[in-house]
Amino acid sequence: MPDFEQTVPLVEVLLYGILNPATIVVAFMLGQNAAFAGAIAGVAVLYVATLFRIWDAPTLGRSVAGVFIVSLVAGFVYAGVGYLTKRNRN
């Protein structure tokens, strides 16, 4: 029987969710109502990077839901900043 890791480091989940560049770029560029798209992009980039072993994220399979939720909350903040800094083009 395989040896399963029992805990998921919450600091790692928070850092992956908050500092994910795909979440920041997508949510900031799309502005209002873009937090969900930013969270999806962030989790997708994290999954692909882990799949190709670009960096070590051994607990991604167990923590992907947590990373998505943190990315969603962070995406609201980044989208709000993007919306507030967007110039009025009218």
N, C-alpha and C. Protein backbone atom coordinates (compact mmCIF):
# COMPACT_ATOMS: atom_id res chain seq x y z
N MET A 1 0.84 -1.18 0.00
CA MET A 1 0.00 0.00 0.00
C MET A 1 0.89 1.24 0.00
N PRO A 2 0.57 2.25 -0.85
CA PRO A 2 1.40 3.46 -0.91
C PRO A 2 1.31 4.27 0.38
N ASP A 3 2.38 5.00 0.63
CA ASP A 3 2.43 5.86 1.81
C ASP A 3 1.90 7.24 1.42
N PHE A 4 0.71 7.60 1.92
CA PHE A 4 0.10 8.87 1.59
C PHE A 4 0.51 9.94 2.59
N GLU A 5 0.74 11.14 2.08
CA GLU A 5 1.04 12.26 2.95
C GLU A 5 -0.27 12.74 3.57
N GLN A 6 -0.29 12.92 4.85
CA GLN A 6 -1.52 13.24 5.56
C GLN A 6 -1.84 14.73 5.58
N THR A 7 -0.85 15.58 5.50
CA THR A 7 -1.10 17.01 5.62
C THR A 7 -0.74 17.73 4.33
N VAL A 8 -1.38 18.85 4.14
CA VAL A 8 -1.07 19.74 3.03
C VAL A 8 -0.59 21.05 3.65
N PRO A 9 0.61 21.51 3.31
CA PRO A 9 1.13 22.75 3.90
C PRO A 9 0.30 23.96 3.45
N LEU A 10 -0.36 24.60 4.39
CA LEU A 10 -1.25 25.71 4.06
C LEU A 10 -0.50 26.93 3.55
N VAL A 11 0.71 27.13 4.01
CA VAL A 11 1.50 28.25 3.51
C VAL A 11 1.78 28.07 2.02
N GLU A 12 2.08 26.85 1.62
CA GLU A 12 2.32 26.56 0.21
C GLU A 12 1.06 26.80 -0.63
N VAL A 13 -0.09 26.41 -0.12
CA VAL A 13 -1.36 26.64 -0.82
C VAL A 13 -1.62 28.13 -0.95
N LEU A 14 -1.40 28.89 0.12
CA LEU A 14 -1.61 30.34 0.07
C LEU A 14 -0.67 31.00 -0.93
N LEU A 15 0.59 30.61 -0.91
CA LEU A 15 1.55 31.23 -1.82
C LEU A 15 1.25 30.89 -3.27
N TYR A 16 0.90 29.64 -3.55
CA TYR A 16 0.53 29.27 -4.92
C TYR A 16 -0.70 30.05 -5.38
N GLY A 17 -1.65 30.25 -4.51
CA GLY A 17 -2.88 30.95 -4.89
C GLY A 17 -2.70 32.45 -5.05
N ILE A 18 -1.94 33.06 -4.15
CA ILE A 18 -1.81 34.52 -4.15
C ILE A 18 -0.78 35.01 -5.17
N LEU A 19 0.33 34.31 -5.28
CA LEU A 19 1.43 34.80 -6.10
C LEU A 19 1.51 34.16 -7.48
N ASN A 20 0.45 33.49 -7.91
CA ASN A 20 0.46 32.85 -9.22
C ASN A 20 0.38 33.93 -10.31
N PRO A 21 1.38 34.02 -11.18
CA PRO A 21 1.38 35.10 -12.18
C PRO A 21 0.21 35.05 -13.16
N ALA A 22 -0.28 33.87 -13.48
CA ALA A 22 -1.41 33.78 -14.40
C ALA A 22 -2.67 34.39 -13.78
N THR A 23 -2.88 34.14 -12.51
CA THR A 23 -4.03 34.74 -11.82
C THR A 23 -3.92 36.26 -11.82
N ILE A 24 -2.74 36.76 -11.53
CA ILE A 24 -2.53 38.20 -11.47
C ILE A 24 -2.76 38.85 -12.83
N VAL A 25 -2.15 38.29 -13.86
CA VAL A 25 -2.23 38.90 -15.20
C VAL A 25 -3.65 38.85 -15.75
N VAL A 26 -4.28 37.69 -15.69
CA VAL A 26 -5.62 37.54 -16.27
C VAL A 26 -6.63 38.41 -15.53
N ALA A 27 -6.63 38.36 -14.21
CA ALA A 27 -7.60 39.15 -13.44
C ALA A 27 -7.35 40.64 -13.61
N PHE A 28 -6.10 41.07 -13.61
CA PHE A 28 -5.80 42.49 -13.75
C PHE A 28 -6.16 43.00 -15.13
N MET A 29 -5.84 42.22 -16.16
CA MET A 29 -6.11 42.67 -17.52
C MET A 29 -7.61 42.70 -17.85
N LEU A 30 -8.35 41.73 -17.35
CA LEU A 30 -9.78 41.69 -17.67
C LEU A 30 -10.59 42.63 -16.80
N GLY A 31 -10.07 42.98 -15.64
CA GLY A 31 -10.76 43.94 -14.79
C GLY A 31 -11.98 43.35 -14.10
N GLN A 32 -13.07 44.06 -14.16
CA GLN A 32 -14.28 43.69 -13.43
C GLN A 32 -14.79 42.31 -13.86
N ASN A 33 -15.25 41.54 -12.90
CA ASN A 33 -15.82 40.19 -13.11
C ASN A 33 -14.82 39.20 -13.68
N ALA A 34 -13.55 39.38 -13.40
CA ALA A 34 -12.53 38.50 -13.97
C ALA A 34 -11.87 37.60 -12.94
N ALA A 35 -12.33 37.61 -11.72
CA ALA A 35 -11.68 36.81 -10.68
C ALA A 35 -11.78 35.32 -10.98
N PHE A 36 -12.91 34.88 -11.47
CA PHE A 36 -13.09 33.46 -11.76
C PHE A 36 -12.17 33.03 -12.90
N ALA A 37 -12.09 33.84 -13.95
CA ALA A 37 -11.20 33.53 -15.07
C ALA A 37 -9.75 33.54 -14.62
N GLY A 38 -9.39 34.46 -13.74
CA GLY A 38 -8.03 34.51 -13.22
C GLY A 38 -7.70 33.28 -12.40
N ALA A 39 -8.65 32.82 -11.59
CA ALA A 39 -8.44 31.63 -10.78
C ALA A 39 -8.29 30.39 -11.66
N ILE A 40 -9.12 30.28 -12.69
CA ILE A 40 -9.02 29.15 -13.61
C ILE A 40 -7.66 29.16 -14.31
N ALA A 41 -7.24 30.32 -14.80
CA ALA A 41 -5.95 30.42 -15.48
C ALA A 41 -4.80 30.09 -14.53
N GLY A 42 -4.90 30.56 -13.31
CA GLY A 42 -3.85 30.29 -12.33
C GLY A 42 -3.71 28.82 -12.01
N VAL A 43 -4.82 28.15 -11.80
CA VAL A 43 -4.78 26.72 -11.50
C VAL A 43 -4.32 25.93 -12.72
N ALA A 44 -4.73 26.34 -13.90
CA ALA A 44 -4.31 25.64 -15.12
C ALA A 44 -2.80 25.76 -15.33
N VAL A 45 -2.26 26.94 -15.14
CA VAL A 45 -0.81 27.12 -15.30
C VAL A 45 -0.06 26.33 -14.24
N LEU A 46 -0.56 26.33 -13.03
CA LEU A 46 0.08 25.56 -11.96
C LEU A 46 0.04 24.07 -12.26
N TYR A 47 -1.07 23.58 -12.78
CA TYR A 47 -1.19 22.17 -13.13
C TYR A 47 -0.22 21.79 -14.25
N VAL A 48 -0.14 22.63 -15.29
CA VAL A 48 0.75 22.34 -16.41
C VAL A 48 2.21 22.39 -15.95
N ALA A 49 2.56 23.37 -15.13
CA ALA A 49 3.93 23.46 -14.62
C ALA A 49 4.29 22.25 -13.78
N THR A 50 3.35 21.76 -13.00
CA THR A 50 3.61 20.57 -12.19
C THR A 50 3.66 19.33 -13.07
N LEU A 51 2.81 19.26 -14.08
CA LEU A 51 2.80 18.13 -14.99
C LEU A 51 4.15 17.97 -15.69
N PHE A 52 4.72 19.09 -16.12
CA PHE A 52 6.02 19.07 -16.79
C PHE A 52 7.19 19.18 -15.82
N ARG A 53 6.91 19.15 -14.54
CA ARG A 53 7.92 19.20 -13.47
C ARG A 53 8.83 20.42 -13.58
N ILE A 54 8.22 21.57 -13.89
CA ILE A 54 8.98 22.81 -13.96
C ILE A 54 9.41 23.22 -12.55
N TRP A 55 8.54 23.06 -11.58
CA TRP A 55 8.93 23.24 -10.18
C TRP A 55 8.26 22.17 -9.35
N ASP A 56 8.70 22.06 -8.12
CA ASP A 56 8.25 20.98 -7.26
C ASP A 56 6.98 21.39 -6.52
N ALA A 57 5.90 20.73 -6.81
CA ALA A 57 4.64 20.93 -6.10
C ALA A 57 4.02 19.57 -5.84
N PRO A 58 4.58 18.82 -4.92
CA PRO A 58 4.15 17.42 -4.75
C PRO A 58 2.74 17.26 -4.21
N THR A 59 2.20 18.26 -3.57
CA THR A 59 0.87 18.12 -2.97
C THR A 59 -0.21 18.80 -3.80
N LEU A 60 0.08 19.10 -5.06
CA LEU A 60 -0.89 19.82 -5.88
C LEU A 60 -2.19 19.04 -6.03
N GLY A 61 -2.12 17.75 -6.21
CA GLY A 61 -3.33 16.95 -6.38
C GLY A 61 -4.25 17.02 -5.17
N ARG A 62 -3.68 17.13 -4.00
CA ARG A 62 -4.48 17.20 -2.78
C ARG A 62 -4.92 18.62 -2.46
N SER A 63 -4.23 19.60 -3.01
CA SER A 63 -4.51 20.97 -2.61
C SER A 63 -5.06 21.85 -3.73
N VAL A 64 -5.43 21.26 -4.86
CA VAL A 64 -5.87 22.06 -6.00
C VAL A 64 -7.15 22.84 -5.67
N ALA A 65 -8.03 22.29 -4.88
CA ALA A 65 -9.25 23.02 -4.51
C ALA A 65 -8.91 24.22 -3.64
N GLY A 66 -7.99 24.05 -2.72
CA GLY A 66 -7.57 25.16 -1.88
C GLY A 66 -6.87 26.24 -2.68
N VAL A 67 -6.03 25.84 -3.62
CA VAL A 67 -5.34 26.81 -4.47
C VAL A 67 -6.37 27.57 -5.31
N PHE A 68 -7.38 26.88 -5.80
CA PHE A 68 -8.42 27.55 -6.60
C PHE A 68 -9.17 28.59 -5.76
N ILE A 69 -9.54 28.22 -4.53
CA ILE A 69 -10.28 29.16 -3.68
C ILE A 69 -9.42 30.37 -3.34
N VAL A 70 -8.16 30.16 -3.00
CA VAL A 70 -7.27 31.28 -2.70
C VAL A 70 -7.05 32.12 -3.95
N SER A 71 -6.90 31.48 -5.11
CA SER A 71 -6.76 32.22 -6.36
C SER A 71 -8.00 33.03 -6.68
N LEU A 72 -9.16 32.48 -6.37
CA LEU A 72 -10.40 33.20 -6.61
C LEU A 72 -10.49 34.47 -5.75
N VAL A 73 -10.15 34.34 -4.48
CA VAL A 73 -10.18 35.50 -3.59
C VAL A 73 -9.13 36.53 -4.02
N ALA A 74 -7.92 36.04 -4.33
CA ALA A 74 -6.87 36.95 -4.79
C ALA A 74 -7.26 37.57 -6.14
N GLY A 75 -7.94 36.80 -6.98
CA GLY A 75 -8.39 37.31 -8.27
C GLY A 75 -9.37 38.45 -8.12
N PHE A 76 -10.23 38.40 -7.09
CA PHE A 76 -11.13 39.54 -6.83
C PHE A 76 -10.33 40.80 -6.54
N VAL A 77 -9.28 40.66 -5.76
CA VAL A 77 -8.45 41.82 -5.43
C VAL A 77 -7.74 42.34 -6.68
N TYR A 78 -7.11 41.44 -7.44
CA TYR A 78 -6.41 41.87 -8.65
C TYR A 78 -7.36 42.44 -9.69
N ALA A 79 -8.55 41.87 -9.83
CA ALA A 79 -9.54 42.40 -10.77
C ALA A 79 -10.02 43.77 -10.34
N GLY A 80 -10.19 43.95 -9.03
CA GLY A 80 -10.59 45.27 -8.52
C GLY A 80 -9.54 46.32 -8.79
N VAL A 81 -8.30 45.98 -8.59
CA VAL A 81 -7.21 46.91 -8.88
C VAL A 81 -7.15 47.20 -10.38
N GLY A 82 -7.31 46.18 -11.19
CA GLY A 82 -7.32 46.39 -12.63
C GLY A 82 -8.47 47.26 -13.09
N TYR A 83 -9.63 47.07 -12.49
CA TYR A 83 -10.80 47.86 -12.84
C TYR A 83 -10.62 49.32 -12.42
N LEU A 84 -10.06 49.52 -11.24
CA LEU A 84 -9.89 50.89 -10.73
C LEU A 84 -8.81 51.64 -11.48
N THR A 85 -7.80 50.94 -11.98
CA THR A 85 -6.73 51.63 -12.68
C THR A 85 -6.97 51.77 -14.18
N LYS A 86 -8.03 51.14 -14.68
CA LYS A 86 -8.34 51.24 -16.11
C LYS A 86 -8.86 52.64 -16.41
N ARG A 87 -8.37 53.21 -17.47
CA ARG A 87 -8.81 54.54 -17.85
C ARG A 87 -10.17 54.47 -18.52
N ASN A 88 -10.95 55.50 -18.33
CA ASN A 88 -12.25 55.59 -18.99
C ASN A 88 -12.03 55.96 -20.45
N ARG A 89 -12.46 55.10 -21.35
CA ARG A 89 -12.19 55.31 -22.78
C ARG A 89 -13.34 55.98 -23.51
N ASN A 90 -14.29 56.52 -22.82
CA ASN A 90 -15.43 57.20 -23.47
C ASN A 90 -15.08 58.59 -23.89
